[in-house]
């Protein structure tokens, strides 16, 4: 697809149509990859976005308990000394 490079203040840029932004789930930021004569633009992946708030909510609700013991009963730490 051919697109025009446009003046944006002292810089230049390209515009993406609403259709492309929605199709490729592009929001406020993108990942820019420079490879051997190519520029690759892809949606910025943030798989853990919101985890901190979720963990805080879990702690407030008391839902952050361990599902199993952290140390097994027959385990010793002598070998680590």
N, C-alpha and C. Protein backbone atom coordinates (compact mmCIF):
# COMPACT_ATOMS: atom_id res chain seq x y z
N UNK A 1 0.86 -1.16 0.00
CA UNK A 1 0.00 0.00 0.00
C UNK A 1 0.91 1.23 0.00
N UNK A 2 0.67 2.14 -0.88
CA UNK A 2 1.46 3.37 -0.95
C UNK A 2 0.77 4.46 -0.14
N UNK A 3 1.54 5.11 0.73
CA UNK A 3 1.02 6.22 1.53
C UNK A 3 1.98 7.40 1.41
N UNK A 4 1.45 8.59 1.62
CA UNK A 4 2.27 9.80 1.53
C UNK A 4 2.91 10.11 2.87
N UNK A 5 4.13 10.63 2.80
CA UNK A 5 4.82 11.14 3.98
C UNK A 5 4.43 12.61 4.08
N UNK A 6 3.92 13.00 5.25
CA UNK A 6 3.39 14.36 5.42
C UNK A 6 4.21 15.14 6.44
N UNK A 7 4.16 16.46 6.34
CA UNK A 7 4.83 17.34 7.29
C UNK A 7 4.00 17.41 8.57
N UNK A 8 4.68 17.21 9.71
CA UNK A 8 4.04 17.34 11.02
C UNK A 8 4.97 18.20 11.86
N UNK A 9 4.73 19.49 11.90
CA UNK A 9 5.64 20.42 12.58
C UNK A 9 6.98 20.40 11.91
N UNK A 10 8.05 20.18 12.66
CA UNK A 10 9.41 20.08 12.10
C UNK A 10 9.75 18.66 11.66
N UNK A 11 8.83 17.73 11.86
CA UNK A 11 9.06 16.32 11.53
C UNK A 11 8.20 15.90 10.35
N UNK A 12 8.31 14.65 9.98
CA UNK A 12 7.45 14.07 8.96
C UNK A 12 6.86 12.78 9.50
N UNK A 13 5.74 12.39 8.96
CA UNK A 13 5.09 11.17 9.43
C UNK A 13 4.14 10.62 8.40
N UNK A 14 3.50 9.53 8.75
CA UNK A 14 2.47 8.95 7.90
C UNK A 14 1.18 8.85 8.71
N UNK A 15 0.06 8.84 8.03
CA UNK A 15 -1.24 8.70 8.69
C UNK A 15 -1.80 7.32 8.40
N UNK A 16 -2.48 6.79 9.40
CA UNK A 16 -3.17 5.51 9.24
C UNK A 16 -4.67 5.76 9.25
N UNK A 17 -5.37 5.10 8.38
CA UNK A 17 -6.83 5.24 8.35
C UNK A 17 -7.43 4.57 9.59
N UNK A 18 -8.63 4.96 9.93
CA UNK A 18 -9.33 4.37 11.06
C UNK A 18 -9.47 2.86 10.89
N UNK A 19 -9.70 2.43 9.65
CA UNK A 19 -9.86 1.01 9.35
C UNK A 19 -8.60 0.23 9.70
N UNK A 20 -7.44 0.76 9.32
CA UNK A 20 -6.18 0.08 9.61
C UNK A 20 -5.92 0.07 11.10
N UNK A 21 -6.16 1.19 11.78
CA UNK A 21 -5.95 1.26 13.23
C UNK A 21 -6.79 0.23 13.95
N UNK A 22 -8.04 0.09 13.55
CA UNK A 22 -8.93 -0.89 14.20
C UNK A 22 -8.55 -2.32 13.85
N UNK A 23 -8.25 -2.57 12.57
CA UNK A 23 -7.92 -3.92 12.13
C UNK A 23 -6.69 -4.47 12.83
N UNK A 24 -5.67 -3.61 13.04
CA UNK A 24 -4.43 -4.06 13.64
C UNK A 24 -4.30 -3.68 15.11
N UNK A 25 -5.40 -3.23 15.69
CA UNK A 25 -5.47 -2.91 17.12
C UNK A 25 -4.37 -1.95 17.55
N UNK A 26 -4.18 -0.89 16.78
CA UNK A 26 -3.19 0.13 17.09
C UNK A 26 -3.87 1.21 17.91
N UNK A 27 -3.30 1.47 19.09
CA UNK A 27 -3.85 2.48 20.00
C UNK A 27 -2.96 3.71 19.99
N UNK A 28 -2.37 4.04 21.14
CA UNK A 28 -1.56 5.25 21.27
C UNK A 28 -0.09 5.06 20.92
N UNK A 29 0.41 3.84 21.03
CA UNK A 29 1.82 3.57 20.77
C UNK A 29 1.97 2.35 19.88
N UNK A 30 3.09 2.31 19.13
CA UNK A 30 3.41 1.16 18.30
C UNK A 30 4.86 0.76 18.57
N UNK A 31 5.19 -0.45 18.18
CA UNK A 31 6.55 -0.95 18.25
C UNK A 31 7.18 -0.70 16.88
N UNK A 32 8.29 0.01 16.82
CA UNK A 32 8.97 0.33 15.57
C UNK A 32 10.23 -0.53 15.48
N UNK A 33 10.31 -1.37 14.46
CA UNK A 33 11.42 -2.29 14.29
C UNK A 33 12.15 -1.92 13.01
N UNK A 34 13.46 -1.71 13.12
CA UNK A 34 14.29 -1.36 11.97
C UNK A 34 15.09 -2.58 11.57
N UNK A 35 14.87 -3.06 10.34
CA UNK A 35 15.55 -4.27 9.85
C UNK A 35 16.04 -4.04 8.43
N UNK A 36 17.29 -4.29 8.19
CA UNK A 36 17.88 -4.32 6.85
C UNK A 36 17.05 -3.61 5.77
N UNK A 37 16.98 -2.31 5.82
CA UNK A 37 16.28 -1.55 4.80
C UNK A 37 14.77 -1.54 4.93
N UNK A 38 14.25 -2.02 6.05
CA UNK A 38 12.80 -2.06 6.27
C UNK A 38 12.46 -1.37 7.58
N UNK A 39 11.30 -0.80 7.63
CA UNK A 39 10.73 -0.28 8.88
C UNK A 39 9.44 -1.06 9.11
N UNK A 40 9.37 -1.75 10.23
CA UNK A 40 8.19 -2.55 10.56
C UNK A 40 7.46 -1.86 11.72
N UNK A 41 6.20 -1.60 11.53
CA UNK A 41 5.36 -0.98 12.56
C UNK A 41 4.34 -2.02 12.99
N UNK A 42 4.32 -2.31 14.29
CA UNK A 42 3.34 -3.28 14.78
C UNK A 42 2.74 -2.79 16.09
N UNK A 43 1.54 -3.25 16.42
CA UNK A 43 0.90 -2.83 17.67
C UNK A 43 1.81 -3.12 18.85
N UNK A 44 1.83 -2.23 19.81
CA UNK A 44 2.62 -2.43 21.02
C UNK A 44 1.90 -3.45 21.89
N UNK A 45 2.60 -4.51 22.20
CA UNK A 45 2.01 -5.58 23.01
C UNK A 45 2.24 -5.30 24.48
N UNK A 46 1.18 -5.26 25.27
CA UNK A 46 1.29 -5.07 26.72
C UNK A 46 0.46 -6.14 27.41
N UNK A 47 0.96 -7.39 27.38
CA UNK A 47 0.17 -8.50 27.93
C UNK A 47 -0.08 -8.42 29.43
N UNK A 48 0.77 -7.71 30.17
CA UNK A 48 0.60 -7.64 31.63
C UNK A 48 0.00 -6.32 32.08
N UNK A 49 -0.51 -5.55 31.15
CA UNK A 49 -1.10 -4.26 31.48
C UNK A 49 -2.27 -4.47 32.45
N UNK A 50 -2.29 -3.71 33.53
CA UNK A 50 -3.37 -3.80 34.50
C UNK A 50 -3.15 -4.82 35.61
N UNK A 51 -2.05 -5.59 35.53
CA UNK A 51 -1.81 -6.61 36.55
C UNK A 51 -1.61 -5.98 37.92
N UNK A 52 -0.89 -4.86 37.98
CA UNK A 52 -0.61 -4.24 39.27
C UNK A 52 -1.91 -3.88 39.98
N UNK A 53 -2.85 -3.28 39.27
CA UNK A 53 -4.14 -2.93 39.87
C UNK A 53 -4.90 -4.18 40.30
N UNK A 54 -4.83 -5.23 39.48
CA UNK A 54 -5.51 -6.49 39.83
C UNK A 54 -4.92 -7.11 41.08
N UNK A 55 -3.59 -7.07 41.20
CA UNK A 55 -2.94 -7.63 42.39
C UNK A 55 -3.31 -6.84 43.64
N UNK A 56 -3.37 -5.52 43.52
CA UNK A 56 -3.77 -4.70 44.66
C UNK A 56 -5.19 -5.03 45.09
N UNK A 57 -6.09 -5.20 44.11
CA UNK A 57 -7.48 -5.54 44.41
C UNK A 57 -7.56 -6.91 45.08
N UNK A 58 -6.75 -7.88 44.60
CA UNK A 58 -6.73 -9.20 45.22
C UNK A 58 -6.28 -9.11 46.67
N UNK A 59 -5.25 -8.29 46.94
CA UNK A 59 -4.75 -8.15 48.30
C UNK A 59 -5.82 -7.52 49.20
N UNK A 60 -6.51 -6.53 48.70
CA UNK A 60 -7.57 -5.89 49.47
C UNK A 60 -8.70 -6.86 49.78
N UNK A 61 -8.98 -7.76 48.85
CA UNK A 61 -10.06 -8.74 49.03
C UNK A 61 -9.60 -9.99 49.79
N UNK A 62 -8.29 -10.09 50.07
CA UNK A 62 -7.77 -11.27 50.74
C UNK A 62 -7.68 -12.48 49.83
N UNK A 63 -7.66 -12.24 48.51
CA UNK A 63 -7.61 -13.34 47.53
C UNK A 63 -6.19 -13.67 47.08
N UNK A 64 -5.17 -13.16 47.77
CA UNK A 64 -3.80 -13.38 47.33
C UNK A 64 -3.08 -14.43 48.18
N UNK A 65 -3.79 -15.41 48.65
CA UNK A 65 -3.22 -16.48 49.46
C UNK A 65 -2.56 -17.52 48.55
N UNK A 66 -1.50 -18.17 49.09
CA UNK A 66 -0.84 -19.23 48.33
C UNK A 66 -1.79 -20.42 48.17
N UNK A 67 -1.74 -21.06 47.02
CA UNK A 67 -2.59 -22.23 46.78
C UNK A 67 -1.96 -23.50 47.33
N UNK A 68 -0.63 -23.48 47.54
CA UNK A 68 0.06 -24.60 48.15
C UNK A 68 1.21 -24.03 48.96
N UNK A 69 1.74 -24.85 49.87
CA UNK A 69 2.83 -24.39 50.74
C UNK A 69 4.04 -23.97 49.92
N UNK A 70 4.69 -22.91 50.38
CA UNK A 70 5.86 -22.39 49.68
C UNK A 70 7.04 -23.36 49.79
N UNK A 71 7.19 -24.00 50.95
CA UNK A 71 8.27 -24.96 51.18
C UNK A 71 7.64 -26.29 51.57
N UNK A 72 8.09 -27.36 50.93
CA UNK A 72 7.56 -28.67 51.26
C UNK A 72 8.07 -29.09 52.64
N UNK A 73 7.28 -29.87 53.34
CA UNK A 73 7.60 -30.25 54.71
C UNK A 73 8.93 -30.97 54.84
N UNK A 74 9.30 -31.80 53.86
CA UNK A 74 10.54 -32.57 53.95
C UNK A 74 11.74 -31.84 53.34
N UNK A 75 11.55 -30.62 52.90
CA UNK A 75 12.64 -29.89 52.27
C UNK A 75 13.47 -29.14 53.31
N UNK A 76 14.78 -29.16 53.15
CA UNK A 76 15.67 -28.41 54.04
C UNK A 76 16.50 -27.47 53.19
N UNK A 77 17.03 -26.47 53.88
CA UNK A 77 17.85 -25.50 53.17
C UNK A 77 19.34 -25.70 53.46
N UNK A 78 19.70 -26.81 54.11
CA UNK A 78 21.09 -27.07 54.46
C UNK A 78 21.99 -27.11 53.23
N UNK A 79 21.52 -27.68 52.16
CA UNK A 79 22.34 -27.80 50.96
C UNK A 79 22.62 -26.43 50.31
N UNK A 80 21.88 -25.42 50.69
CA UNK A 80 22.05 -24.08 50.11
C UNK A 80 23.07 -23.24 50.88
N UNK A 81 23.51 -23.73 52.02
CA UNK A 81 24.47 -22.97 52.83
C UNK A 81 25.87 -23.15 52.36
